[in-house]
Amino acid sequence: MTSVPFCTRDDCACPFNPCNHDQGCTPCIAKNLREHEIPTCLFKAVSPDKLPEDADDWSWKSFARHVLAHRG
């Protein structure tokens, strides 16, 4: 396991979580780029409170709504 002290992902069941391998954030970022998504850590950097309608949506549009809702 590679230490990634700034990682806010608390889902250790996720195979891309740095707690499950020694590749740091690379697998997570690669997966997000492939799926046109934004990593959880960036959502949490804005606010840990996602909009209810976006609870399971990690898309760029969802991130834009998240930023507008929490940062105006």
C-alpha atoms as a PDB file:
ATOM      1  CA  MET A   1       0.000   0.000   0.000  1.00  0.00           C
ATOM      2  CA  THR A   2       1.213   3.473  -0.920  1.00  0.00           C
ATOM      3  CA  SER A   3       0.478   6.200   1.591  1.00  0.00           C
ATOM      4  CA  VAL A   4      -1.715   8.912   0.096  1.00  0.00           C
ATOM      5  CA  PRO A   5      -2.376  11.159   3.108  1.00  0.00           C
ATOM      6  CA  PHE A   6      -4.652  13.555   1.234  1.00  0.00           C
ATOM      7  CA  CYS A   7      -6.963  10.833  -0.113  1.00  0.00           C
ATOM      8  CA  THR A   8     -10.482  11.431   1.198  1.00  0.00           C
ATOM      9  CA  ARG A   9     -11.953   8.246  -0.244  1.00  0.00           C
ATOM     10  CA  ASP A  10     -13.222   6.226   2.699  1.00  0.00           C
ATOM     11  CA  ASP A  11     -14.569   3.318   0.641  1.00  0.00           C
ATOM     12  CA  CYS A  12     -11.953   0.602   1.086  1.00  0.00           C
ATOM     13  CA  ALA A  13     -14.160  -1.788  -0.903  1.00  0.00           C
ATOM     14  CA  CYS A  14     -13.308   0.219  -4.029  1.00  0.00           C
ATOM     15  CA  PRO A  15     -10.497  -1.579  -5.877  1.00  0.00           C
ATOM     16  CA  PHE A  16      -9.087   1.799  -6.984  1.00  0.00           C
ATOM     17  CA  ASN A  17      -8.689   3.104  -3.421  1.00  0.00           C
ATOM     18  CA  PRO A  18      -4.985   3.541  -2.580  1.00  0.00           C
ATOM     19  CA  CYS A  19      -5.505   1.387   0.523  1.00  0.00           C
ATOM     20  CA  ASN A  20      -5.881  -1.618  -1.817  1.00  0.00           C
ATOM     21  CA  HIS A  21      -2.684  -1.392  -3.889  1.00  0.00           C
ATOM     22  CA  ASP A  22       0.696   0.335  -4.159  1.00  0.00           C
ATOM     23  CA  GLN A  23       0.000   2.612  -7.132  1.00  0.00           C
ATOM     24  CA  GLY A  24      -1.253   5.707  -5.328  1.00  0.00           C
ATOM     25  CA  CYS A  25      -3.989   7.646  -7.125  1.00  0.00           C
ATOM     26  CA  THR A  26      -3.120   6.433 -10.632  1.00  0.00           C
ATOM     27  CA  PRO A  27      -5.775   3.668 -10.907  1.00  0.00           C
ATOM     28  CA  CYS A  28      -8.498   5.979  -9.576  1.00  0.00           C
ATOM     29  CA  ILE A  29      -7.609   8.843 -11.915  1.00  0.00           C
ATOM     30  CA  ALA A  30      -7.289   6.478 -14.896  1.00  0.00           C
ATOM     31  CA  LYS A  31     -10.741   5.003 -14.163  1.00  0.00           C
ATOM     32  CA  ASN A  32     -12.269   8.475 -13.837  1.00  0.00           C
ATOM     33  CA  LEU A  33     -10.714   9.687 -17.083  1.00  0.00           C
ATOM     34  CA  ARG A  34     -11.926   6.563 -18.878  1.00  0.00           C
ATOM     35  CA  GLU A  35     -15.476   7.023 -17.597  1.00  0.00           C
ATOM     36  CA  HIS A  36     -15.554  10.844 -17.950  1.00  0.00           C
ATOM     37  CA  GLU A  37     -15.996  11.277 -14.224  1.00  0.00           C
ATOM     38  CA  ILE A  38     -14.539  13.464 -11.488  1.00  0.00           C
ATOM     39  CA  PRO A  39     -12.775  11.760  -8.549  1.00  0.00           C
ATOM     40  CA  THR A  40     -14.553  11.724  -5.195  1.00  0.00           C
ATOM     41  CA  CYS A  41     -11.733  13.717  -3.599  1.00  0.00           C
ATOM     42  CA  LEU A  42     -12.497  16.738  -5.786  1.00  0.00           C
ATOM     43  CA  PHE A  43     -16.190  16.629  -4.881  1.00  0.00           C
ATOM     44  CA  LYS A  44     -15.220  16.457  -1.210  1.00  0.00           C
ATOM     45  CA  ALA A  45     -12.773  19.348  -1.619  1.00  0.00           C
ATOM     46  CA  VAL A  46     -15.739  21.532  -2.562  1.00  0.00           C
ATOM     47  CA  SER A  47     -18.137  20.062   0.014  1.00  0.00           C
ATOM     48  CA  PRO A  48     -18.810  16.619   1.479  1.00  0.00           C
ATOM     49  CA  ASP A  49     -22.545  17.201   0.913  1.00  0.00           C
ATOM     50  CA  LYS A  50     -23.595  16.092  -2.551  1.00  0.00           C
ATOM     51  CA  LEU A  51     -26.935  17.148  -3.956  1.00  0.00           C
ATOM     52  CA  PRO A  52     -29.524  14.384  -3.417  1.00  0.00           C
ATOM     53  CA  GLU A  53     -30.215  14.134  -7.156  1.00  0.00           C
ATOM     54  CA  ASP A  54     -26.489  13.615  -7.806  1.00  0.00           C
ATOM     55  CA  ALA A  55     -25.815  11.105  -5.021  1.00  0.00           C
ATOM     56  CA  ASP A  56     -24.460   8.427  -7.371  1.00  0.00           C
ATOM     57  CA  ASP A  57     -23.445  10.699 -10.252  1.00  0.00           C
ATOM     58  CA  TRP A  58     -19.738  11.514 -10.570  1.00  0.00           C
ATOM     59  CA  SER A  59     -19.988  13.122 -14.028  1.00  0.00           C
ATOM     60  CA  TRP A  60     -18.518  16.462 -15.002  1.00  0.00           C
ATOM     61  CA  LYS A  61     -22.045  17.940 -15.112  1.00  0.00           C
ATOM     62  CA  SER A  62     -22.737  16.690 -11.603  1.00  0.00           C
ATOM     63  CA  PHE A  63     -19.471  18.259 -10.438  1.00  0.00           C
ATOM     64  CA  ALA A  64     -20.438  21.573 -12.051  1.00  0.00           C
ATOM     65  CA  ARG A  65     -23.792  21.503 -10.219  1.00  0.00           C
ATOM     66  CA  HIS A  66     -21.965  20.591  -7.016  1.00  0.00           C
ATOM     67  CA  VAL A  67     -19.596  23.558  -7.343  1.00  0.00           C
ATOM     68  CA  LEU A  68     -22.416  25.972  -8.150  1.00  0.00           C
ATOM     69  CA  ALA A  69     -24.515  24.711  -5.240  1.00  0.00           C
ATOM     70  CA  HIS A  70     -21.724  24.968  -2.684  1.00  0.00           C
ATOM     71  CA  ARG A  71     -19.494  27.746  -3.974  1.00  0.00           C
ATOM     72  CA  GLY A  72     -21.886  29.852  -6.039  1.00  0.00           C
END
